Amino acid sequence: MTLSDADRIARRYPPRRRGAWIPVAAVLAIIGIPWMAWAGLHAANPDVTGKVVAFDVVSDTRIDVTVTIQRPDPARAATCTVVTKAVTYDTVGELPFEVAPGTQELTTQVVSVRTFKRATSAELTDCRTA
């Protein structure tokens, strides 16, 4: 039995159902767009922010890190974490520290981190209200 070219193509490439993805896309959009807006607005206004202003490598086992913390409500205490890394990008020290309640929105603090190997950089990885 010999098939025509049109029949062979139809058997090889059966017709696809078009439009089956539309309900799935609609459900994902109904759920995804409000969640994305909430996540964006929530992350856009954190309770506490901070950054490393400077660091001084004191020795092979200690680094002094100067951080600035900003709190819209300075009466609330905060907890932050400084992580130090070696030249090989290994984490060589980590220190969570407290920022006491105060009256200033911006607070600068020097944190001494003990390391098990010479640190070459420091970063503030986490800040949150206590």
C-alpha atoms as a PDB file:
ATOM      1  CA  MET A   1       0.000   0.000   0.000  1.00  0.00           C
ATOM      2  CA  THR A   2       1.489   3.287  -1.092  1.00  0.00           C
ATOM      3  CA  LEU A   3       0.680   6.474   0.793  1.00  0.00           C
ATOM      4  CA  SER A   4       0.600   9.878  -0.769  1.00  0.00           C
ATOM      5  CA  ASP A   5       2.994  12.534   0.440  1.00  0.00           C
ATOM      6  CA  ALA A   6       0.222  14.327   2.277  1.00  0.00           C
ATOM      7  CA  ASP A   7      -0.800  11.144   4.109  1.00  0.00           C
ATOM      8  CA  ARG A   8       2.779  10.345   5.107  1.00  0.00           C
ATOM      9  CA  ILE A   9       3.281  13.873   6.461  1.00  0.00           C
ATOM     10  CA  ALA A  10      -0.020  13.686   8.355  1.00  0.00           C
ATOM     11  CA  ARG A  11       1.000  10.368   9.972  1.00  0.00           C
ATOM     12  CA  ARG A  12       4.462  11.632  10.864  1.00  0.00           C
ATOM     13  CA  TYR A  13       3.280  14.971  12.213  1.00  0.00           C
ATOM     14  CA  PRO A  14      -0.178  14.499  13.740  1.00  0.00           C
ATOM     15  CA  PRO A  15      -2.235  17.642  14.272  1.00  0.00           C
ATOM     16  CA  ARG A  16      -1.525  19.378  17.559  1.00  0.00           C
ATOM     17  CA  ARG A  17      -4.164  20.661  19.893  1.00  0.00           C
ATOM     18  CA  ARG A  18      -3.788  24.377  19.834  1.00  0.00           C
ATOM     19  CA  GLY A  19      -4.901  26.448  22.794  1.00  0.00           C
ATOM     20  CA  ALA A  20      -4.392  23.806  25.494  1.00  0.00           C
ATOM     21  CA  TRP A  21      -1.779  26.036  27.128  1.00  0.00           C
ATOM     22  CA  ILE A  22      -4.127  29.023  27.504  1.00  0.00           C
ATOM     23  CA  PRO A  23      -5.918  27.819  30.705  1.00  0.00           C
ATOM     24  CA  VAL A  24      -2.582  26.844  32.251  1.00  0.00           C
ATOM     25  CA  ALA A  25      -1.103  30.250  31.420  1.00  0.00           C
ATOM     26  CA  ALA A  26      -4.186  32.002  32.815  1.00  0.00           C
ATOM     27  CA  VAL A  27      -3.975  30.131  36.131  1.00  0.00           C
ATOM     28  CA  LEU A  28      -0.254  30.848  36.412  1.00  0.00           C
ATOM     29  CA  ALA A  29      -0.860  34.533  35.673  1.00  0.00           C
ATOM     30  CA  ILE A  30      -3.678  34.768  38.235  1.00  0.00           C
ATOM     31  CA  ILE A  31      -1.451  33.263  40.916  1.00  0.00           C
ATOM     32  CA  GLY A  32       1.938  34.583  39.785  1.00  0.00           C
ATOM     33  CA  ILE A  33       1.308  38.279  39.194  1.00  0.00           C
ATOM     34  CA  PRO A  34      -0.057  39.091  42.689  1.00  0.00           C
ATOM     35  CA  TRP A  35       2.683  36.988  44.322  1.00  0.00           C
ATOM     36  CA  MET A  36       5.372  38.764  42.294  1.00  0.00           C
ATOM     37  CA  ALA A  37       3.961  42.166  43.259  1.00  0.00           C
ATOM     38  CA  TRP A  38       3.813  41.201  46.949  1.00  0.00           C
ATOM     39  CA  ALA A  39       7.361  39.776  46.922  1.00  0.00           C
ATOM     40  CA  GLY A  40       8.720  42.848  45.161  1.00  0.00           C
ATOM     41  CA  LEU A  41       7.066  45.303  47.522  1.00  0.00           C
ATOM     42  CA  HIS A  42       7.992  43.314  50.624  1.00  0.00           C
ATOM     43  CA  ALA A  43      11.657  43.032  49.605  1.00  0.00           C
ATOM     44  CA  ALA A  44      11.821  46.656  48.481  1.00  0.00           C
ATOM     45  CA  ASN A  45      11.373  47.957  52.030  1.00  0.00           C
ATOM     46  CA  PRO A  46      13.404  45.817  54.432  1.00  0.00           C
ATOM     47  CA  ASP A  47      13.316  46.571  58.149  1.00  0.00           C
ATOM     48  CA  VAL A  48      17.109  46.871  58.340  1.00  0.00           C
ATOM     49  CA  THR A  49      19.751  47.436  55.682  1.00  0.00           C
ATOM     50  CA  GLY A  50      23.479  47.606  55.995  1.00  0.00           C
ATOM     51  CA  LYS A  51      26.758  47.622  54.156  1.00  0.00           C
ATOM     52  CA  VAL A  52      30.449  47.176  54.757  1.00  0.00           C
ATOM     53  CA  VAL A  53      32.099  50.586  54.678  1.00  0.00           C
ATOM     54  CA  ALA A  54      35.681  49.435  55.268  1.00  0.00           C
ATOM     55  CA  PHE A  55      37.742  46.575  56.595  1.00  0.00           C
ATOM     56  CA  ASP A  56      41.248  46.278  57.989  1.00  0.00           C
ATOM     57  CA  VAL A  57      43.129  42.984  57.942  1.00  0.00           C
ATOM     58  CA  VAL A  58      44.880  43.133  61.324  1.00  0.00           C
ATOM     59  CA  SER A  59      46.572  39.721  61.207  1.00  0.00           C
ATOM     60  CA  ASP A  60      46.213  36.242  59.751  1.00  0.00           C
ATOM     61  CA  THR A  61      43.557  35.510  62.377  1.00  0.00           C
ATOM     62  CA  ARG A  62      41.666  38.812  62.706  1.00  0.00           C
ATOM     63  CA  ILE A  63      39.920  41.357  60.535  1.00  0.00           C
ATOM     64  CA  ASP A  64      38.189  44.548  61.705  1.00  0.00           C
ATOM     65  CA  VAL A  65      35.080  45.361  59.675  1.00  0.00           C
ATOM     66  CA  THR A  66      33.327  48.741  59.738  1.00  0.00           C
ATOM     67  CA  VAL A  67      29.634  48.454  58.910  1.00  0.00           C
ATOM     68  CA  THR A  68      26.859  51.010  58.610  1.00  0.00           C
ATOM     69  CA  ILE A  69      23.353  49.893  59.559  1.00  0.00           C
ATOM     70  CA  GLN A  70      20.214  51.806  58.590  1.00  0.00           C
ATOM     71  CA  ARG A  71      16.988  51.277  60.529  1.00  0.00           C
ATOM     72  CA  PRO A  72      13.849  53.308  59.844  1.00  0.00           C
ATOM     73  CA  ASP A  73      12.895  52.632  63.474  1.00  0.00           C
ATOM     74  CA  PRO A  74      16.128  53.061  65.476  1.00  0.00           C
ATOM     75  CA  ALA A  75      14.369  52.101  68.709  1.00  0.00           C
ATOM     76  CA  ARG A  76      14.353  48.479  67.519  1.00  0.00           C
ATOM     77  CA  ALA A  77      17.439  46.300  67.977  1.00  0.00           C
ATOM     78  CA  ALA A  78      18.909  44.473  64.993  1.00  0.00           C
ATOM     79  CA  THR A  79      21.015  41.398  64.394  1.00  0.00           C
ATOM     80  CA  CYS A  80      23.467  41.293  61.485  1.00  0.00           C
ATOM     81  CA  THR A  81      26.071  38.816  60.264  1.00  0.00           C
ATOM     82  CA  VAL A  82      29.520  39.567  58.843  1.00  0.00           C
ATOM     83  CA  VAL A  83      31.202  36.896  56.708  1.00  0.00           C
ATOM     84  CA  THR A  84      34.882  37.090  55.774  1.00  0.00           C
ATOM     85  CA  LYS A  85      36.508  35.273  52.888  1.00  0.00           C
ATOM     86  CA  ALA A  86      40.036  34.282  51.946  1.00  0.00           C
ATOM     87  CA  VAL A  87      41.717  34.867  48.601  1.00  0.00           C
ATOM     88  CA  THR A  88      40.430  31.422  47.540  1.00  0.00           C
ATOM     89  CA  TYR A  89      36.824  32.533  48.270  1.00  0.00           C
ATOM     90  CA  ASP A  90      36.602  30.182  51.248  1.00  0.00           C
ATOM     91  CA  THR A  91      34.641  31.476  54.212  1.00  0.00           C
ATOM     92  CA  VAL A  92      37.240  31.941  56.950  1.00  0.00           C
ATOM     93  CA  GLY A  93      35.184  33.747  59.563  1.00  0.00           C
ATOM     94  CA  GLU A  94      31.592  34.538  60.440  1.00  0.00           C
ATOM     95  CA  LEU A  95      30.232  36.647  63.247  1.00  0.00           C
ATOM     96  CA  PRO A  96      26.640  37.549  64.072  1.00  0.00           C
ATOM     97  CA  PHE A  97      26.457  40.757  66.080  1.00  0.00           C
ATOM     98  CA  GLU A  98      23.828  42.877  67.764  1.00  0.00           C
ATOM     99  CA  VAL A  99      23.025  46.492  66.978  1.00  0.00           C
ATOM    100  CA  ALA A 100      21.558  48.035  70.108  1.00  0.00           C
ATOM    101  CA  PRO A 101      18.504  50.288  69.984  1.00  0.00           C
ATOM    102  CA  GLY A 102      19.376  53.945  69.662  1.00  0.00           C
ATOM    103  CA  THR A 103      18.155  57.301  68.470  1.00  0.00           C
ATOM    104  CA  GLN A 104      19.945  57.551  65.110  1.00  0.00           C
ATOM    105  CA  GLU A 105      18.647  55.984  61.918  1.00  0.00           C
ATOM    106  CA  LEU A 106      22.214  55.368  60.729  1.00  0.00           C
ATOM    107  CA  THR A 107      24.590  53.482  63.019  1.00  0.00           C
ATOM    108  CA  THR A 108      28.256  52.751  62.313  1.00  0.00           C
ATOM    109  CA  GLN A 109      29.900  49.911  64.173  1.00  0.00           C
ATOM    110  CA  VAL A 110      33.317  48.219  64.054  1.00  0.00           C
ATOM    111  CA  VAL A 111      33.230  44.430  64.352  1.00  0.00           C
ATOM    112  CA  SER A 112      36.335  42.304  64.972  1.00  0.00           C
ATOM    113  CA  VAL A 113      36.058  38.894  63.345  1.00  0.00           C
ATOM    114  CA  ARG A 114      38.410  36.060  64.269  1.00  0.00           C
ATOM    115  CA  THR A 115      39.467  33.959  61.291  1.00  0.00           C
ATOM    116  CA  PHE A 116      41.251  30.656  60.912  1.00  0.00           C
ATOM    117  CA  LYS A 117      43.075  31.862  57.777  1.00  0.00           C
ATOM    118  CA  ARG A 118      44.013  35.299  56.405  1.00  0.00           C
ATOM    119  CA  ALA A 119      40.889  37.115  55.248  1.00  0.00           C
ATOM    120  CA  THR A 120      40.938  39.292  52.141  1.00  0.00           C
ATOM    121  CA  SER A 121      37.339  40.518  52.053  1.00  0.00           C
ATOM    122  CA  ALA A 122      34.272  41.001  54.218  1.00  0.00           C
ATOM    123  CA  GLU A 123      30.576  41.235  53.503  1.00  0.00           C
ATOM    124  CA  LEU A 124      27.385  41.813  55.429  1.00  0.00           C
ATOM    125  CA  THR A 125      25.160  38.860  54.595  1.00  0.00           C
ATOM    126  CA  ASP A 126      22.110  39.272  56.776  1.00  0.00           C
ATOM    127  CA  CYS A 127      20.436  42.020  58.780  1.00  0.00           C
ATOM    128  CA  ARG A 128      17.093  41.768  60.513  1.00  0.00           C
ATOM    129  CA  THR A 129      15.265  43.278  63.411  1.00  0.00           C
ATOM    130  CA  ALA A 130      15.611  41.355  66.645  1.00  0.00           C
END
